[in-house]
């Protein structure tokens, strides 16, 4: 819903059982899933 333009305030109004910390925790989790894993080219060449 945030990706579609809803604000945190709108979500909190629409879902009263949620707290701001719940939403922020979800965003933190989504960000950790989206982090890139960097593999040096040397590791790829050596088969690691």
PDB file of N, CA and C in Angstrom:
ATOM      1  N   UNK A   1       0.827  -1.183   0.000  1.00  0.00           N
ATOM      2  CA  UNK A   1       0.000   0.000   0.000  1.00  0.00           C
ATOM      3  C   UNK A   1       0.875   1.251   0.000  1.00  0.00           C
ATOM      4  N   UNK A   2       1.998   1.186   0.702  1.00  0.00           N
ATOM      5  CA  UNK A   2       2.918   2.320   0.686  1.00  0.00           C
ATOM      6  C   UNK A   2       3.493   2.525  -0.712  1.00  0.00           C
ATOM      7  N   UNK A   3       3.773   1.423  -1.405  1.00  0.00           N
ATOM      8  CA  UNK A   3       4.313   1.517  -2.764  1.00  0.00           C
ATOM      9  C   UNK A   3       3.309   2.131  -3.723  1.00  0.00           C
ATOM     10  N   UNK A   4       2.025   2.046  -3.387  1.00  0.00           N
ATOM     11  CA  UNK A   4       0.979   2.629  -4.226  1.00  0.00           C
ATOM     12  C   UNK A   4       0.640   4.056  -3.830  1.00  0.00           C
ATOM     13  N   UNK A   5       1.399   4.631  -2.891  1.00  0.00           N
ATOM     14  CA  UNK A   5       1.218   6.030  -2.548  1.00  0.00           C
ATOM     15  C   UNK A   5       0.524   6.319  -1.235  1.00  0.00           C
ATOM     16  N   UNK A   6       0.055   5.286  -0.531  1.00  0.00           N
ATOM     17  CA  UNK A   6      -0.555   5.534   0.783  1.00  0.00           C
ATOM     18  C   UNK A   6       0.531   5.998   1.755  1.00  0.00           C
ATOM     19  N   UNK A   7       0.143   6.794   2.713  1.00  0.00           N
ATOM     20  CA  UNK A   7       1.093   7.249   3.729  1.00  0.00           C
ATOM     21  C   UNK A   7       0.963   6.370   4.970  1.00  0.00           C
ATOM     22  N   UNK A   8       1.955   6.469   5.823  1.00  0.00           N
ATOM     23  CA  UNK A   8       1.901   5.729   7.080  1.00  0.00           C
ATOM     24  C   UNK A   8       0.684   6.174   7.883  1.00  0.00           C
ATOM     25  N   UNK A   9       0.404   7.474   7.879  1.00  0.00           N
ATOM     26  CA  UNK A   9      -0.738   7.991   8.619  1.00  0.00           C
ATOM     27  C   UNK A   9      -2.052   7.390   8.100  1.00  0.00           C
ATOM     28  N   UNK A  10      -2.169   7.252   6.773  1.00  0.00           N
ATOM     29  CA  UNK A  10      -3.378   6.655   6.195  1.00  0.00           C
ATOM     30  C   UNK A  10      -3.523   5.190   6.613  1.00  0.00           C
ATOM     31  N   UNK A  11      -2.411   4.476   6.612  1.00  0.00           N
ATOM     32  CA  UNK A  11      -2.456   3.073   7.032  1.00  0.00           C
ATOM     33  C   UNK A  11      -2.855   2.953   8.500  1.00  0.00           C
ATOM     34  N   UNK A  12      -2.322   3.836   9.325  1.00  0.00           N
ATOM     35  CA  UNK A  12      -2.653   3.790  10.748  1.00  0.00           C
ATOM     36  C   UNK A  12      -4.131   4.086  10.984  1.00  0.00           C
ATOM     37  N   UNK A  13      -4.687   4.982  10.174  1.00  0.00           N
ATOM     38  CA  UNK A  13      -6.116   5.286  10.295  1.00  0.00           C
ATOM     39  C   UNK A  13      -6.967   4.115   9.804  1.00  0.00           C
ATOM     40  N   UNK A  14      -6.524   3.503   8.703  1.00  0.00           N
ATOM     41  CA  UNK A  14      -7.292   2.410   8.097  1.00  0.00           C
ATOM     42  C   UNK A  14      -7.193   1.108   8.898  1.00  0.00           C
ATOM     43  N   UNK A  15      -6.064   0.908   9.560  1.00  0.00           N
ATOM     44  CA  UNK A  15      -5.829  -0.311  10.335  1.00  0.00           C
ATOM     45  C   UNK A  15      -5.454   0.081  11.763  1.00  0.00           C
ATOM     46  N   UNK A  16      -6.438   0.344  12.603  1.00  0.00           N
ATOM     47  CA  UNK A  16      -6.171   0.838  13.964  1.00  0.00           C
ATOM     48  C   UNK A  16      -5.377  -0.126  14.849  1.00  0.00           C
ATOM     49  N   UNK A  17      -5.323  -1.402  14.485  1.00  0.00           N
ATOM     50  CA  UNK A  17      -4.551  -2.341  15.299  1.00  0.00           C
ATOM     51  C   UNK A  17      -3.053  -2.214  15.043  1.00  0.00           C
ATOM     52  N   UNK A  18      -2.670  -1.523  13.972  1.00  0.00           N
ATOM     53  CA  UNK A  18      -1.247  -1.315  13.678  1.00  0.00           C
ATOM     54  C   UNK A  18      -0.711  -0.130  14.462  1.00  0.00           C
ATOM     55  N   UNK A  19       0.571  -0.195  14.746  1.00  0.00           N
ATOM     56  CA  UNK A  19       1.279   0.937  15.335  1.00  0.00           C
ATOM     57  C   UNK A  19       2.373   1.359  14.368  1.00  0.00           C
ATOM     58  N   UNK A  20       2.789   2.599  14.486  1.00  0.00           N
ATOM     59  CA  UNK A  20       3.823   3.128  13.587  1.00  0.00           C
ATOM     60  C   UNK A  20       5.055   2.222  13.575  1.00  0.00           C
ATOM     61  N   UNK A  21       5.441   1.714  14.737  1.00  0.00           N
ATOM     62  CA  UNK A  21       6.618   0.838  14.835  1.00  0.00           C
ATOM     63  C   UNK A  21       6.436  -0.429  14.003  1.00  0.00           C
ATOM     64  N   UNK A  22       5.202  -0.941  13.913  1.00  0.00           N
ATOM     65  CA  UNK A  22       4.930  -2.124  13.093  1.00  0.00           C
ATOM     66  C   UNK A  22       5.275  -1.858  11.631  1.00  0.00           C
ATOM     67  N   UNK A  23       4.838  -0.716  11.147  1.00  0.00           N
ATOM     68  CA  UNK A  23       5.072  -0.365   9.743  1.00  0.00           C
ATOM     69  C   UNK A  23       6.558  -0.138   9.495  1.00  0.00           C
ATOM     70  N   UNK A  24       7.203   0.574  10.398  1.00  0.00           N
ATOM     71  CA  UNK A  24       8.634   0.839  10.236  1.00  0.00           C
ATOM     72  C   UNK A  24       9.451  -0.449  10.280  1.00  0.00           C
ATOM     73  N   UNK A  25       9.039  -1.385  11.118  1.00  0.00           N
ATOM     74  CA  UNK A  25       9.727  -2.679  11.186  1.00  0.00           C
ATOM     75  C   UNK A  25       9.568  -3.436   9.876  1.00  0.00           C
ATOM     76  N   UNK A  26       8.379  -3.388   9.299  1.00  0.00           N
ATOM     77  CA  UNK A  26       8.156  -4.042   7.998  1.00  0.00           C
ATOM     78  C   UNK A  26       9.010  -3.410   6.906  1.00  0.00           C
ATOM     79  N   UNK A  27       9.103  -2.099   6.929  1.00  0.00           N
ATOM     80  CA  UNK A  27       9.940  -1.412   5.936  1.00  0.00           C
ATOM     81  C   UNK A  27      11.410  -1.789   6.100  1.00  0.00           C
ATOM     82  N   UNK A  28      11.853  -1.890   7.340  1.00  0.00           N
ATOM     83  CA  UNK A  28      13.235  -2.283   7.609  1.00  0.00           C
ATOM     84  C   UNK A  28      13.496  -3.699   7.105  1.00  0.00           C
ATOM     85  N   UNK A  29      12.540  -4.590   7.330  1.00  0.00           N
ATOM     86  CA  UNK A  29      12.672  -5.974   6.864  1.00  0.00           C
ATOM     87  C   UNK A  29      12.710  -6.030   5.335  1.00  0.00           C
ATOM     88  N   UNK A  30      11.817  -5.294   4.679  1.00  0.00           N
ATOM     89  CA  UNK A  30      11.794  -5.267   3.212  1.00  0.00           C
ATOM     90  C   UNK A  30      13.103  -4.710   2.659  1.00  0.00           C
ATOM     91  N   UNK A  31      13.640  -3.690   3.306  1.00  0.00           N
ATOM     92  CA  UNK A  31      14.910  -3.114   2.857  1.00  0.00           C
ATOM     93  C   UNK A  31      16.043  -4.119   2.988  1.00  0.00           C
ATOM     94  N   UNK A  32      16.038  -4.914   4.059  1.00  0.00           N
ATOM     95  CA  UNK A  32      17.105  -5.906   4.231  1.00  0.00           C
ATOM     96  C   UNK A  32      17.007  -6.994   3.172  1.00  0.00           C
ATOM     97  N   UNK A  33      15.797  -7.335   2.725  1.00  0.00           N
ATOM     98  CA  UNK A  33      15.639  -8.330   1.665  1.00  0.00           C
ATOM     99  C   UNK A  33      16.098  -7.803   0.311  1.00  0.00           C
ATOM    100  N   UNK A  34      16.029  -6.494   0.142  1.00  0.00           N
ATOM    101  CA  UNK A  34      16.363  -5.885  -1.140  1.00  0.00           C
ATOM    102  C   UNK A  34      17.846  -5.545  -1.264  1.00  0.00           C
ATOM    103  N   UNK A  35      18.612  -5.701  -0.195  1.00  0.00           N
ATOM    104  CA  UNK A  35      20.031  -5.363  -0.251  1.00  0.00           C
ATOM    105  C   UNK A  35      20.748  -6.261  -1.235  1.00  0.00           C
ATOM    106  N   UNK A  36      21.681  -5.656  -1.946  1.00  0.00           N
ATOM    107  CA  UNK A  36      22.453  -6.414  -2.924  1.00  0.00           C
ATOM    108  C   UNK A  36      23.536  -7.226  -2.226  1.00  0.00           C
ATOM    109  N   UNK A  37      23.783  -8.399  -2.767  1.00  0.00           N
ATOM    110  CA  UNK A  37      24.913  -9.186  -2.301  1.00  0.00           C
ATOM    111  C   UNK A  37      25.998  -9.029  -3.355  1.00  0.00           C
ATOM    112  N   UNK A  38      27.120  -8.449  -2.972  1.00  0.00           N
ATOM    113  CA  UNK A  38      28.201  -8.177  -3.895  1.00  0.00           C
ATOM    114  C   UNK A  38      29.180  -9.341  -3.865  1.00  0.00           C
ATOM    115  N   UNK A  39      29.437  -9.915  -5.044  1.00  0.00           N
ATOM    116  CA  UNK A  39      30.415 -10.993  -5.173  1.00  0.00           C
ATOM    117  C   UNK A  39      31.542 -10.494  -6.052  1.00  0.00           C
ATOM    118  N   UNK A  40      32.745 -10.400  -5.491  1.00  0.00           N
ATOM    119  CA  UNK A  40      33.882  -9.929  -6.301  1.00  0.00           C
ATOM    120  C   UNK A  40      34.096 -10.815  -7.523  1.00  0.00           C
ATOM    121  N   UNK A  41      34.513 -10.217  -8.609  1.00  0.00           N
ATOM    122  CA  UNK A  41      34.752 -10.942  -9.846  1.00  0.00           C
ATOM    123  C   UNK A  41      35.785 -12.054  -9.630  1.00  0.00           C
ATOM    124  N   UNK A  42      36.777 -11.800  -8.783  1.00  0.00           N
ATOM    125  CA  UNK A  42      37.808 -12.802  -8.531  1.00  0.00           C
ATOM    126  C   UNK A  42      37.183 -14.068  -7.951  1.00  0.00           C
ATOM    127  N   UNK A  43      36.199 -13.925  -7.092  1.00  0.00           N
ATOM    128  CA  UNK A  43      35.547 -15.080  -6.489  1.00  0.00           C
ATOM    129  C   UNK A  43      34.778 -15.871  -7.539  1.00  0.00           C
ATOM    130  N   UNK A  44      34.168 -15.186  -8.477  1.00  0.00           N
ATOM    131  CA  UNK A  44      33.448 -15.880  -9.544  1.00  0.00           C
ATOM    132  C   UNK A  44      34.403 -16.661 -10.441  1.00  0.00           C
ATOM    133  N   UNK A  45      35.564 -16.062 -10.740  1.00  0.00           N
ATOM    134  CA  UNK A  45      36.539 -16.699 -11.612  1.00  0.00           C
ATOM    135  C   UNK A  45      37.166 -17.934 -10.957  1.00  0.00           C
ATOM    136  N   UNK A  46      37.282 -17.910  -9.624  1.00  0.00           N
ATOM    137  CA  UNK A  46      37.906 -19.043  -8.934  1.00  0.00           C
ATOM    138  C   UNK A  46      36.892 -20.109  -8.546  1.00  0.00           C
ATOM    139  N   UNK A  47      35.596 -19.852  -8.823  1.00  0.00           N
ATOM    140  CA  UNK A  47      34.587 -20.849  -8.529  1.00  0.00           C
ATOM    141  C   UNK A  47      34.071 -20.829  -7.116  1.00  0.00           C
ATOM    142  N   UNK A  48      34.327 -19.740  -6.367  1.00  0.00           N
ATOM    143  CA  UNK A  48      33.858 -19.649  -4.973  1.00  0.00           C
ATOM    144  C   UNK A  48      32.403 -19.309  -4.934  1.00  0.00           C
TER     145      UNK A  48
END
